[in-house]
N, C-alpha and C. Protein backbone atom coordinates (compact mmCIF):
# COMPACT_ATOMS: atom_id res chain seq x y z
N ALA A 1 9.45 -4.35 -4.70
CA ALA A 1 8.82 -5.64 -4.15
C ALA A 1 9.37 -6.65 -4.58
N LEU A 2 9.75 -6.94 -5.68
CA LEU A 2 10.16 -8.11 -6.28
C LEU A 2 11.56 -8.57 -5.64
N ILE A 3 12.62 -7.46 -5.43
CA ILE A 3 13.77 -7.78 -4.95
C ILE A 3 13.41 -8.39 -3.44
N ILE A 4 12.50 -7.62 -2.90
CA ILE A 4 12.43 -7.54 -1.21
C ILE A 4 11.74 -9.34 -1.20
N VAL A 5 10.63 -9.63 -2.04
CA VAL A 5 10.21 -10.87 -1.81
C VAL A 5 11.21 -12.37 -2.52
N ALA A 6 12.04 -11.91 -3.34
CA ALA A 6 12.70 -12.93 -3.95
C ALA A 6 14.01 -13.11 -2.94
N ASP A 7 14.46 -11.89 -2.65
CA ASP A 7 15.64 -12.01 -1.69
C ASP A 7 15.02 -12.95 -0.07
N GLY A 8 13.93 -12.58 0.17
CA GLY A 8 13.24 -13.21 1.38
C GLY A 8 12.97 -14.54 1.12
N LEU A 9 12.58 -15.14 0.07
CA LEU A 9 12.17 -16.30 -0.14
C LEU A 9 13.23 -17.17 -0.49
N GLY A 10 14.50 -16.65 -1.12
CA GLY A 10 15.51 -17.17 -1.25
C GLY A 10 16.63 -17.61 -0.02
N VAL A 11 16.40 -16.48 0.97
CA VAL A 11 17.20 -16.70 2.22
C VAL A 11 16.69 -17.89 3.04
N TRP A 12 15.09 -17.85 3.09
CA TRP A 12 14.45 -18.98 3.82
C TRP A 12 14.91 -19.94 3.11
N LEU A 13 14.86 -20.11 1.72
CA LEU A 13 15.27 -21.48 1.35
C LEU A 13 16.85 -22.13 1.92
N ILE A 14 17.61 -21.31 1.47
CA ILE A 14 19.04 -21.84 1.21
C ILE A 14 20.09 -21.31 2.60
N ALA A 15 19.54 -20.57 3.52
CA ALA A 15 20.11 -20.00 4.91
C ALA A 15 20.31 -21.71 5.88
N PRO A 16 21.44 -21.61 6.34
CA PRO A 16 21.46 -22.56 7.31
C PRO A 16 20.03 -22.58 8.28
N ALA A 17 19.47 -23.70 9.08
CA ALA A 17 18.48 -24.01 10.03
C ALA A 17 18.99 -23.04 11.25
N HIS A 18 17.94 -22.56 11.83
CA HIS A 18 18.18 -21.99 13.31
C HIS A 18 19.06 -20.60 13.35
N THR A 19 19.15 -19.82 12.10
CA THR A 19 20.03 -18.79 12.14
C THR A 19 18.71 -17.57 11.86
N ASN A 20 19.38 -16.43 12.33
CA ASN A 20 18.39 -15.44 11.83
C ASN A 20 18.92 -14.32 10.92
N THR A 21 18.16 -13.89 9.82
CA THR A 21 18.63 -13.02 8.77
C THR A 21 17.60 -11.67 8.82
N ALA A 22 18.13 -10.43 9.40
CA ALA A 22 17.45 -9.09 9.52
C ALA A 22 18.30 -8.10 8.66
N GLY A 23 17.58 -7.17 8.10
CA GLY A 23 18.08 -6.04 7.57
C GLY A 23 17.72 -5.75 6.33
N ALA A 24 18.06 -4.77 5.92
CA ALA A 24 17.82 -4.16 4.41
C ALA A 24 18.76 -4.29 3.40
N SER A 25 20.16 -5.08 3.87
CA SER A 25 21.29 -5.30 3.20
C SER A 25 20.56 -6.15 1.79
N GLY A 26 19.70 -7.09 1.80
CA GLY A 26 19.74 -7.40 0.29
C GLY A 26 18.95 -6.61 -0.52
N LEU A 27 17.82 -5.70 0.04
CA LEU A 27 17.30 -4.92 -0.91
C LEU A 27 18.32 -3.95 -1.55
N ILE A 28 19.60 -3.54 -0.61
CA ILE A 28 20.54 -2.77 -1.24
C ILE A 28 21.61 -3.44 -2.25
N PHE A 29 21.42 -4.60 -1.76
CA PHE A 29 22.41 -5.36 -2.91
C PHE A 29 21.32 -5.60 -4.50
N GLY A 30 20.26 -5.92 -4.24
CA GLY A 30 19.11 -5.61 -5.31
C GLY A 30 19.23 -4.58 -6.27
N LEU A 31 19.46 -3.32 -5.37
CA LEU A 31 19.24 -2.00 -5.91
C LEU A 31 20.51 -2.10 -6.93
N PHE A 32 21.49 -2.32 -6.11
CA PHE A 32 22.81 -2.53 -6.79
C PHE A 32 23.01 -3.06 -8.33
N GLY A 33 22.40 -4.41 -7.94
CA GLY A 33 22.46 -5.36 -9.36
C GLY A 33 21.35 -4.77 -10.26
N TYR A 34 20.27 -4.19 -9.73
CA TYR A 34 19.42 -3.48 -10.86
C TYR A 34 20.23 -2.62 -11.82
N LEU A 35 20.94 -1.42 -10.92
CA LEU A 35 21.46 -0.45 -11.44
C LEU A 35 22.61 -0.72 -12.43
N LEU A 36 23.17 -1.69 -12.12
CA LEU A 36 24.39 -2.28 -12.54
C LEU A 36 24.01 -2.65 -14.03
N VAL A 37 23.00 -3.43 -14.09
CA VAL A 37 22.94 -4.39 -15.55
C VAL A 37 21.65 -3.40 -16.23
N THR A 38 20.53 -2.83 -15.94
CA THR A 38 19.62 -2.23 -16.57
C THR A 38 19.71 -1.68 -17.87
N GLY A 39 21.22 -0.87 -17.82
CA GLY A 39 21.47 0.09 -18.92
C GLY A 39 21.91 -0.94 -20.08
N PHE A 40 22.44 -2.03 -19.46
CA PHE A 40 22.59 -3.19 -20.76
C PHE A 40 21.60 -3.91 -21.02
N VAL A 41 20.90 -4.00 -20.38
CA VAL A 41 19.56 -4.95 -20.78
C VAL A 41 18.67 -4.20 -21.65
N GLU A 42 18.58 -3.04 -21.43
CA GLU A 42 17.63 -2.04 -22.35
C GLU A 42 18.44 -1.09 -23.46
N ARG A 43 19.82 -1.27 -23.44
CA ARG A 43 20.42 -0.77 -24.42
C ARG A 43 20.41 0.82 -24.68
N ARG A 44 20.59 1.23 -23.49
CA ARG A 44 20.07 2.82 -23.55
C ARG A 44 21.68 3.20 -23.05
N PRO A 45 22.40 4.18 -23.64
CA PRO A 45 23.81 4.63 -23.22
C PRO A 45 23.52 5.27 -21.76
N LEU A 46 22.67 6.11 -21.57
CA LEU A 46 22.89 6.47 -20.28
C LEU A 46 22.70 5.71 -19.15
N GLY A 47 21.98 4.59 -19.17
CA GLY A 47 22.07 3.48 -18.43
C GLY A 47 22.88 2.78 -18.29
N VAL A 48 23.68 2.63 -19.03
CA VAL A 48 24.87 2.11 -19.54
C VAL A 48 26.01 2.78 -18.63
N LEU A 49 26.18 3.99 -18.94
CA LEU A 49 27.06 4.66 -17.91
C LEU A 49 26.74 5.01 -16.58
N VAL A 50 25.48 4.90 -16.15
CA VAL A 50 25.29 4.98 -14.63
C VAL A 50 25.52 3.50 -13.99
N GLY A 51 24.94 2.72 -14.82
CA GLY A 51 25.98 1.18 -14.49
C GLY A 51 27.48 1.34 -14.40
N LEU A 52 28.09 1.48 -15.10
CA LEU A 52 29.51 1.57 -15.12
C LEU A 52 29.88 2.42 -13.78
N LEU A 53 29.19 3.62 -13.75
CA LEU A 53 29.60 4.67 -12.58
C LEU A 53 29.20 3.91 -11.19
N VAL A 54 27.92 3.26 -11.28
CA VAL A 54 27.67 2.48 -9.88
C VAL A 54 28.91 1.23 -9.85
N GLY A 55 29.26 0.94 -10.56
CA GLY A 55 30.06 -0.39 -10.35
C GLY A 55 31.14 0.07 -10.08
N ALA A 56 32.03 1.14 -10.74
CA ALA A 56 33.20 1.50 -10.38
C ALA A 56 33.23 2.39 -8.90
N VAL A 57 32.33 2.81 -8.59
CA VAL A 57 32.12 3.57 -7.25
C VAL A 57 32.17 2.70 -6.02
N TRP A 58 31.17 1.63 -6.16
CA TRP A 58 30.52 0.87 -5.09
C TRP A 58 31.11 -0.82 -5.46
N GLY A 59 31.35 -1.14 -6.67
CA GLY A 59 31.58 -2.40 -6.78
C GLY A 59 32.23 -3.47 -5.98
N THR A 60 33.31 -2.84 -5.70
CA THR A 60 34.35 -3.48 -5.09
C THR A 60 34.01 -3.84 -3.38
N SER A 61 33.52 -2.41 -2.79
CA SER A 61 33.12 -2.78 -1.79
C SER A 61 31.74 -3.66 -1.69
N ILE A 62 30.91 -3.71 -2.68
CA ILE A 62 29.67 -4.47 -2.52
C ILE A 62 30.12 -5.84 -2.87
N LEU A 63 31.15 -6.13 -3.52
CA LEU A 63 31.38 -7.65 -3.60
C LEU A 63 32.08 -8.34 -2.56
N VAL A 64 32.71 -7.39 -1.75
CA VAL A 64 33.33 -7.80 -0.13
C VAL A 64 32.40 -8.57 0.83
N GLY A 65 30.90 -8.06 0.52
CA GLY A 65 29.89 -8.44 1.14
C GLY A 65 29.45 -9.93 0.84
N LEU A 66 29.67 -10.09 -0.44
CA LEU A 66 29.05 -11.48 -1.01
C LEU A 66 30.04 -12.62 -0.65
N ALA A 67 31.26 -12.54 0.08
CA ALA A 67 32.24 -13.39 0.53
C ALA A 67 31.38 -14.04 1.77
N PRO A 68 31.30 -15.28 2.19
CA PRO A 68 30.93 -15.94 3.25
C PRO A 68 32.12 -15.93 4.13
N THR A 69 33.03 -14.99 4.31
CA THR A 69 33.99 -15.11 5.28
C THR A 69 33.80 -14.07 6.70
N GLN A 70 32.72 -13.16 6.52
CA GLN A 70 32.35 -12.69 7.83
C GLN A 70 31.64 -13.11 8.72
N SER A 71 31.70 -13.55 9.88
CA SER A 71 30.78 -14.22 10.93
C SER A 71 29.53 -13.09 11.26
N GLY A 72 28.47 -13.37 11.24
CA GLY A 72 27.46 -12.96 11.72
C GLY A 72 26.62 -12.01 10.60
N VAL A 73 27.39 -12.26 9.24
CA VAL A 73 26.60 -11.64 8.12
C VAL A 73 26.13 -12.59 6.98
N SER A 74 25.00 -12.29 6.60
CA SER A 74 24.12 -12.93 5.90
C SER A 74 24.74 -12.83 4.32
N TRP A 75 25.75 -13.78 3.93
CA TRP A 75 26.20 -13.71 2.51
C TRP A 75 25.07 -14.22 1.39
N GLN A 76 24.30 -15.04 2.34
CA GLN A 76 23.04 -15.57 1.18
C GLN A 76 22.04 -14.33 0.99
N GLY A 77 21.50 -13.56 2.11
CA GLY A 77 20.96 -12.58 1.82
C GLY A 77 21.49 -11.52 0.78
N HIS A 78 22.84 -11.12 0.74
CA HIS A 78 23.34 -10.36 -0.10
C HIS A 78 23.38 -10.89 -1.71
N LEU A 79 23.78 -12.09 -1.39
CA LEU A 79 23.92 -12.75 -2.92
C LEU A 79 22.59 -12.97 -3.77
N LEU A 80 21.33 -13.27 -2.92
CA LEU A 80 20.34 -13.39 -3.78
C LEU A 80 19.59 -12.28 -3.70
N GLY A 81 19.98 -11.01 -3.00
CA GLY A 81 19.45 -9.56 -3.43
C GLY A 81 20.12 -9.44 -4.79
N LEU A 82 21.27 -9.58 -4.88
CA LEU A 82 22.11 -9.26 -6.29
C LEU A 82 21.40 -9.68 -7.04
N VAL A 83 21.12 -11.24 -7.10
CA VAL A 83 20.70 -11.66 -8.13
C VAL A 83 19.28 -11.34 -8.52
N ALA A 84 18.57 -10.86 -7.42
CA ALA A 84 17.00 -10.40 -7.71
C ALA A 84 16.90 -9.20 -8.50
N GLY A 85 18.11 -8.62 -7.95
CA GLY A 85 18.04 -7.30 -8.63
C GLY A 85 18.29 -7.43 -10.11
N VAL A 86 19.35 -8.17 -10.51
CA VAL A 86 19.58 -8.52 -11.90
C VAL A 86 18.33 -9.07 -12.67
N ALA A 87 17.52 -10.04 -11.79
CA ALA A 87 16.36 -10.65 -12.62
C ALA A 87 15.53 -9.59 -12.83
N ALA A 88 15.34 -8.50 -11.67
CA ALA A 88 14.41 -7.39 -12.17
C ALA A 88 14.67 -6.67 -12.91
N ALA A 89 15.64 -6.55 -13.42
CA ALA A 89 16.41 -5.66 -14.80
C ALA A 89 15.63 -6.26 -16.12
N PHE A 90 15.63 -7.73 -15.91
CA PHE A 90 15.08 -8.27 -17.02
C PHE A 90 13.54 -8.36 -16.87
N VAL A 91 12.87 -8.62 -15.75
CA VAL A 91 11.53 -8.39 -15.94
C VAL A 91 11.03 -7.05 -16.10
N PHE A 92 11.19 -6.08 -15.73
CA PHE A 92 10.80 -4.35 -15.77
C PHE A 92 11.62 -4.07 -16.97
N LYS A 93 11.97 -4.70 -17.86
CA LYS A 93 12.87 -4.19 -19.20
C LYS A 93 11.80 -3.23 -20.05
N ARG A 94 12.15 -2.38 -20.38
CA ARG A 94 11.34 -1.51 -21.36
C ARG A 94 11.36 -2.07 -22.42
N ARG A 95 10.09 -1.82 -23.27
CA ARG A 95 10.11 -2.26 -24.57
C ARG A 95 9.93 -1.32 -25.61
N VAL A 96 10.49 -1.01 -26.60
CA VAL A 96 10.38 0.34 -27.46
C VAL A 96 9.91 -0.16 -28.78
N GLY A 97 8.79 0.41 -29.19
CA GLY A 97 8.42 0.02 -30.66
C GLY A 97 7.42 1.23 -31.04
N ARG A 98 7.55 1.65 -32.16
CA ARG A 98 7.06 2.72 -32.87
C ARG A 98 7.27 4.00 -32.12
N GLY A 99 7.97 4.40 -31.52
CA GLY A 99 8.24 5.45 -30.80
C GLY A 99 7.70 5.70 -29.48
N VAL A 100 6.92 4.56 -28.96
CA VAL A 100 6.01 4.65 -28.08
C VAL A 100 6.89 3.65 -26.84
N VAL A 101 7.26 3.96 -25.87
CA VAL A 101 7.92 3.30 -24.86
C VAL A 101 6.68 2.53 -23.83
N GLN A 102 6.95 1.19 -23.93
CA GLN A 102 5.55 0.30 -23.31
C GLN A 102 6.49 -0.31 -21.95
N VAL A 103 6.15 -0.32 -20.81
CA VAL A 103 6.70 -1.01 -19.66
C VAL A 103 5.66 -2.26 -19.52
């Protein structure tokens, strides 16, 4: 929900006037960003491995969507979705203390 709301508000604020943005690509970019960095943020080896695998498999094709070169594609939605996903990794960071994981 955080990714969807942050992406939607961000696009509403920075997209050019009188343009339409629709679709779930902002959420997809947000989930990509979350998976990419959450292992590093939480310092968990399995999470780091998942982030590296996700980056290796989909990284290049995802980064193409961030370029403002394609007509009819909301690069703002893609970029802000990615930023929202990275922010979500920090907001929802698991804290470990005394053998108990706190969320």
